[in-house]
């Protein structure tokens, strides 16, 4: 099946959300239907992680379970832009290994 639209989601500290939104919108990743841009959803969530030996964590310490409030950012993205959107997230995201989920959207 050839998908035309994907849902993209990532978890990022709140202080990076606006820069991420602006950058994603600049590449056209947040445009829907040609008549709307800056279309994304942000929810506050509690994230958990433990940096393992050799990690260079943005927050937390090696070997200790950490938790912090993060923002889950979600948006729909056309297939021809999805790779550029993922690369944009990686370029702005402060985490050593950000979680970026790309899900097919069968409705479009």
N, C-alpha and C. Protein backbone atom coordinates (compact mmCIF):
# COMPACT_ATOMS: atom_id res chain seq x y z
N UNK A 1 0.84 -1.18 0.00
CA UNK A 1 0.00 0.00 0.00
C UNK A 1 0.89 1.25 0.00
N UNK A 2 0.53 2.20 -0.79
CA UNK A 2 1.29 3.43 -0.91
C UNK A 2 0.63 4.51 -0.06
N UNK A 3 1.30 4.93 1.01
CA UNK A 3 0.73 5.91 1.92
C UNK A 3 1.10 7.32 1.49
N UNK A 4 0.14 8.23 1.59
CA UNK A 4 0.36 9.62 1.20
C UNK A 4 0.60 10.53 2.40
N UNK A 5 0.12 10.09 3.58
CA UNK A 5 0.24 10.90 4.79
C UNK A 5 0.71 10.01 5.93
N UNK A 6 1.59 10.56 6.76
CA UNK A 6 2.09 9.85 7.93
C UNK A 6 1.85 10.71 9.16
N UNK A 7 1.63 10.04 10.29
CA UNK A 7 1.58 10.73 11.57
C UNK A 7 2.99 10.65 12.15
N UNK A 8 3.51 11.79 12.58
CA UNK A 8 4.83 11.85 13.19
C UNK A 8 4.66 12.33 14.61
N UNK A 9 5.36 11.68 15.54
CA UNK A 9 5.31 12.11 16.93
C UNK A 9 6.69 12.01 17.55
N UNK A 10 6.96 12.92 18.47
CA UNK A 10 8.22 12.91 19.21
C UNK A 10 7.96 13.47 20.60
N UNK A 11 8.91 13.24 21.49
CA UNK A 11 8.83 13.73 22.87
C UNK A 11 10.02 14.67 23.06
N UNK A 12 9.75 15.89 23.52
CA UNK A 12 10.78 16.93 23.55
C UNK A 12 10.54 17.86 24.74
N UNK A 13 11.60 18.41 25.33
CA UNK A 13 11.39 19.38 26.42
C UNK A 13 10.59 20.59 25.92
N UNK A 14 9.76 21.12 26.80
CA UNK A 14 8.85 22.21 26.42
C UNK A 14 9.58 23.42 25.82
N UNK A 15 10.75 23.72 26.31
CA UNK A 15 11.46 24.90 25.83
C UNK A 15 11.93 24.78 24.37
N UNK A 16 11.81 23.59 23.78
CA UNK A 16 12.18 23.39 22.37
C UNK A 16 10.98 23.33 21.43
N UNK A 17 9.77 23.34 21.97
CA UNK A 17 8.57 23.15 21.15
C UNK A 17 8.39 24.25 20.11
N UNK A 18 8.54 25.50 20.49
CA UNK A 18 8.31 26.60 19.54
C UNK A 18 9.32 26.59 18.39
N UNK A 19 10.58 26.36 18.72
CA UNK A 19 11.60 26.29 17.66
C UNK A 19 11.31 25.11 16.73
N UNK A 20 10.88 24.00 17.29
CA UNK A 20 10.53 22.84 16.47
C UNK A 20 9.34 23.17 15.57
N UNK A 21 8.30 23.79 16.14
CA UNK A 21 7.12 24.15 15.35
C UNK A 21 7.51 25.07 14.19
N UNK A 22 8.28 26.09 14.47
CA UNK A 22 8.68 27.03 13.42
C UNK A 22 9.47 26.34 12.32
N UNK A 23 10.40 25.49 12.71
CA UNK A 23 11.25 24.80 11.72
C UNK A 23 10.46 23.81 10.89
N UNK A 24 9.56 23.06 11.52
CA UNK A 24 8.73 22.12 10.77
C UNK A 24 7.79 22.86 9.82
N UNK A 25 7.25 23.97 10.28
CA UNK A 25 6.36 24.74 9.42
C UNK A 25 7.12 25.34 8.23
N UNK A 26 8.35 25.77 8.46
CA UNK A 26 9.16 26.35 7.38
C UNK A 26 9.41 25.37 6.23
N UNK A 27 9.45 24.07 6.53
CA UNK A 27 9.67 23.08 5.46
C UNK A 27 8.35 22.54 4.90
N UNK A 28 7.23 23.03 5.40
CA UNK A 28 5.93 22.60 4.90
C UNK A 28 5.37 21.36 5.56
N UNK A 29 6.02 20.88 6.62
CA UNK A 29 5.58 19.65 7.27
C UNK A 29 4.29 19.83 8.06
N UNK A 30 3.93 21.05 8.41
CA UNK A 30 2.74 21.30 9.23
C UNK A 30 1.59 21.89 8.43
N UNK A 31 1.65 21.74 7.10
CA UNK A 31 0.58 22.24 6.24
C UNK A 31 -0.40 21.12 5.94
N UNK A 32 -1.69 21.41 6.11
CA UNK A 32 -2.75 20.43 5.86
C UNK A 32 -3.72 20.99 4.86
N UNK A 33 -3.97 20.24 3.81
CA UNK A 33 -4.99 20.61 2.83
C UNK A 33 -4.69 21.86 2.03
N UNK A 34 -3.52 22.41 2.17
CA UNK A 34 -3.16 23.60 1.41
C UNK A 34 -3.70 24.90 1.98
N UNK A 35 -4.66 24.83 2.90
CA UNK A 35 -5.27 26.04 3.45
C UNK A 35 -4.89 26.33 4.90
N UNK A 36 -4.16 25.42 5.54
CA UNK A 36 -3.79 25.59 6.95
C UNK A 36 -2.33 25.20 7.14
N UNK A 37 -1.63 25.98 7.96
CA UNK A 37 -0.28 25.58 8.34
C UNK A 37 -0.13 25.69 9.85
N UNK A 38 1.04 25.37 10.36
CA UNK A 38 1.30 25.35 11.80
C UNK A 38 0.39 24.36 12.52
N UNK A 39 -0.02 23.29 11.85
CA UNK A 39 -0.97 22.32 12.41
C UNK A 39 -0.23 21.21 13.15
N UNK A 40 -0.24 21.28 14.46
CA UNK A 40 0.34 20.22 15.28
C UNK A 40 -0.34 20.23 16.64
N UNK A 41 -0.16 19.17 17.36
CA UNK A 41 -0.77 19.02 18.68
C UNK A 41 0.34 18.78 19.69
N UNK A 42 0.21 19.37 20.87
CA UNK A 42 1.20 19.21 21.92
C UNK A 42 0.49 18.80 23.21
N UNK A 43 0.98 17.73 23.83
CA UNK A 43 0.45 17.25 25.11
C UNK A 43 1.60 17.09 26.08
N UNK A 44 1.36 17.44 27.33
CA UNK A 44 2.38 17.22 28.36
C UNK A 44 2.27 15.79 28.86
N UNK A 45 3.42 15.14 28.96
CA UNK A 45 3.49 13.75 29.42
C UNK A 45 4.64 13.62 30.42
N UNK A 46 4.66 12.52 31.15
CA UNK A 46 5.77 12.23 32.05
C UNK A 46 6.63 11.16 31.39
N UNK A 47 7.89 11.48 31.15
CA UNK A 47 8.81 10.53 30.53
C UNK A 47 9.73 9.90 31.56
N UNK A 48 10.11 8.64 31.32
CA UNK A 48 11.03 7.90 32.18
C UNK A 48 12.16 7.35 31.32
N UNK A 49 13.38 7.31 31.86
CA UNK A 49 14.52 6.73 31.15
C UNK A 49 15.65 6.50 32.14
N UNK A 50 16.60 5.64 31.74
CA UNK A 50 17.80 5.42 32.52
C UNK A 50 18.99 5.44 31.57
N UNK A 51 19.86 6.44 31.68
CA UNK A 51 21.06 6.45 30.86
C UNK A 51 21.98 5.28 31.24
N UNK A 52 22.40 4.52 30.26
CA UNK A 52 23.29 3.39 30.51
C UNK A 52 24.75 3.84 30.38
N UNK A 53 25.67 2.95 30.73
CA UNK A 53 27.10 3.26 30.66
C UNK A 53 27.47 3.84 29.30
N UNK A 54 28.18 4.95 29.29
CA UNK A 54 28.63 5.57 28.05
C UNK A 54 27.66 6.59 27.48
N UNK A 55 26.47 6.72 28.09
CA UNK A 55 25.47 7.68 27.59
C UNK A 55 25.91 9.10 27.91
N UNK A 56 25.40 10.03 27.12
CA UNK A 56 25.64 11.46 27.35
C UNK A 56 24.26 12.12 27.45
N UNK A 57 23.57 11.94 28.60
CA UNK A 57 22.19 12.39 28.70
C UNK A 57 22.03 13.90 28.77
N UNK A 58 20.94 14.38 28.17
CA UNK A 58 20.54 15.78 28.27
C UNK A 58 20.18 16.10 29.72
N UNK A 59 19.47 15.15 30.36
CA UNK A 59 19.10 15.24 31.77
C UNK A 59 19.34 13.88 32.39
N UNK A 60 19.66 13.87 33.67
CA UNK A 60 19.82 12.61 34.38
C UNK A 60 21.27 12.18 34.50
N UNK A 61 21.45 11.05 35.18
CA UNK A 61 22.78 10.51 35.44
C UNK A 61 22.83 9.06 35.03
N UNK A 62 24.01 8.64 34.58
CA UNK A 62 24.21 7.24 34.20
C UNK A 62 23.77 6.32 35.33
N UNK A 63 23.04 5.29 34.97
CA UNK A 63 22.65 4.26 35.91
C UNK A 63 21.46 4.59 36.80
N UNK A 64 20.95 5.81 36.74
CA UNK A 64 19.83 6.19 37.60
C UNK A 64 18.57 6.42 36.76
N UNK A 65 17.46 5.89 37.26
CA UNK A 65 16.18 6.11 36.57
C UNK A 65 15.78 7.57 36.78
N UNK A 66 15.45 8.20 35.69
CA UNK A 66 15.07 9.61 35.69
C UNK A 66 13.63 9.75 35.21
N UNK A 67 13.03 10.84 35.58
CA UNK A 67 11.71 11.17 35.05
C UNK A 67 11.60 12.68 34.96
N UNK A 68 10.86 13.12 33.95
CA UNK A 68 10.66 14.56 33.77
C UNK A 68 9.45 14.77 32.89
N UNK A 69 8.83 15.92 33.06
CA UNK A 69 7.73 16.29 32.18
C UNK A 69 8.31 16.64 30.81
N UNK A 70 7.68 16.12 29.77
CA UNK A 70 8.08 16.39 28.39
C UNK A 70 6.83 16.78 27.62
N UNK A 71 7.02 17.22 26.39
CA UNK A 71 5.90 17.48 25.50
C UNK A 71 5.89 16.44 24.39
N UNK A 72 4.73 15.85 24.18
CA UNK A 72 4.54 14.96 23.04
C UNK A 72 4.01 15.83 21.90
N UNK A 73 4.76 15.90 20.83
CA UNK A 73 4.39 16.68 19.65
C UNK A 73 3.91 15.71 18.58
N UNK A 74 2.73 15.98 18.00
CA UNK A 74 2.15 15.12 16.98
C UNK A 74 1.69 15.97 15.80
N UNK A 75 1.90 15.44 14.59
CA UNK A 75 1.41 16.13 13.40
C UNK A 75 1.29 15.15 12.25
N UNK A 76 0.46 15.50 11.27
CA UNK A 76 0.32 14.73 10.04
C UNK A 76 1.23 15.34 8.99
N UNK A 77 1.88 14.49 8.22
CA UNK A 77 2.89 14.96 7.27
C UNK A 77 2.78 14.19 5.96
N UNK A 78 2.84 14.92 4.86
CA UNK A 78 2.80 14.28 3.54
C UNK A 78 4.04 13.42 3.33
N UNK A 79 3.89 12.33 2.60
CA UNK A 79 4.97 11.37 2.42
C UNK A 79 6.22 11.98 1.81
N UNK A 80 6.06 12.96 0.92
CA UNK A 80 7.23 13.54 0.27
C UNK A 80 8.05 14.44 1.20
N UNK A 81 7.52 14.74 2.38
CA UNK A 81 8.22 15.61 3.33
C UNK A 81 8.64 14.87 4.60
N UNK A 82 8.14 13.67 4.80
CA UNK A 82 8.34 13.00 6.09
C UNK A 82 9.82 12.81 6.43
N UNK A 83 10.66 12.45 5.49
CA UNK A 83 12.09 12.26 5.80
C UNK A 83 12.74 13.59 6.20
N UNK A 84 12.38 14.65 5.52
CA UNK A 84 12.90 15.98 5.87
C UNK A 84 12.40 16.40 7.26
N UNK A 85 11.16 16.05 7.59
CA UNK A 85 10.61 16.36 8.90
C UNK A 85 11.38 15.63 10.01
N UNK A 86 11.68 14.36 9.79
CA UNK A 86 12.45 13.58 10.78
C UNK A 86 13.84 14.19 10.95
N UNK A 87 14.48 14.56 9.85
CA UNK A 87 15.80 15.18 9.95
C UNK A 87 15.75 16.54 10.65
N UNK A 88 14.67 17.28 10.46
CA UNK A 88 14.49 18.56 11.15
C UNK A 88 14.35 18.34 12.65
N UNK A 89 13.55 17.35 13.04
CA UNK A 89 13.41 17.02 14.46
C UNK A 89 14.77 16.68 15.06
N UNK A 90 15.53 15.83 14.38
CA UNK A 90 16.84 15.42 14.88
C UNK A 90 17.78 16.61 15.03
N UNK A 91 17.68 17.58 14.12
CA UNK A 91 18.60 18.73 14.17
C UNK A 91 18.29 19.68 15.33
N UNK A 92 17.06 19.68 15.82
CA UNK A 92 16.65 20.59 16.90
C UNK A 92 16.62 19.90 18.25
N UNK A 93 16.34 18.62 18.24
CA UNK A 93 16.12 17.86 19.47
C UNK A 93 17.39 17.81 20.32
N UNK A 94 17.28 18.08 21.64
CA UNK A 94 18.48 18.08 22.48
C UNK A 94 18.91 16.70 22.97
N UNK A 95 18.06 15.69 22.83
CA UNK A 95 18.39 14.37 23.37
C UNK A 95 19.40 13.67 22.48
N UNK A 96 20.25 12.88 23.12
CA UNK A 96 21.25 12.09 22.41
C UNK A 96 20.57 11.12 21.43
N UNK A 97 19.49 10.50 21.86
CA UNK A 97 18.73 9.58 21.03
C UNK A 97 17.24 9.90 21.18
N UNK A 98 16.71 10.82 20.36
CA UNK A 98 15.29 11.16 20.50
C UNK A 98 14.38 10.03 20.00
N UNK A 99 13.22 9.92 20.62
CA UNK A 99 12.19 9.01 20.13
C UNK A 99 11.40 9.75 19.07
N UNK A 100 11.38 9.20 17.86
CA UNK A 100 10.60 9.76 16.76
C UNK A 100 9.81 8.61 16.15
N UNK A 101 8.50 8.68 16.26
CA UNK A 101 7.63 7.65 15.70
C UNK A 101 7.00 8.16 14.42
N UNK A 102 7.06 7.34 13.37
CA UNK A 102 6.42 7.67 12.09
C UNK A 102 5.44 6.54 11.81
N UNK A 103 4.15 6.88 11.76
CA UNK A 103 3.08 5.90 11.62
C UNK A 103 2.32 6.15 10.32
N UNK A 104 2.00 5.08 9.63
CA UNK A 104 1.22 5.24 8.40
C UNK A 104 -0.20 5.62 8.75
N UNK A 105 -0.81 6.42 7.89
CA UNK A 105 -2.18 6.87 8.09
C UNK A 105 -3.01 6.35 6.92
N UNK A 106 -3.76 5.30 7.14
CA UNK A 106 -4.51 4.66 6.06
C UNK A 106 -5.71 5.47 5.59
N UNK A 107 -6.07 6.51 6.31
CA UNK A 107 -7.26 7.28 5.96
C UNK A 107 -7.05 8.20 4.78
N UNK A 108 -5.82 8.50 4.41
CA UNK A 108 -5.56 9.47 3.34
C UNK A 108 -4.96 8.81 2.12
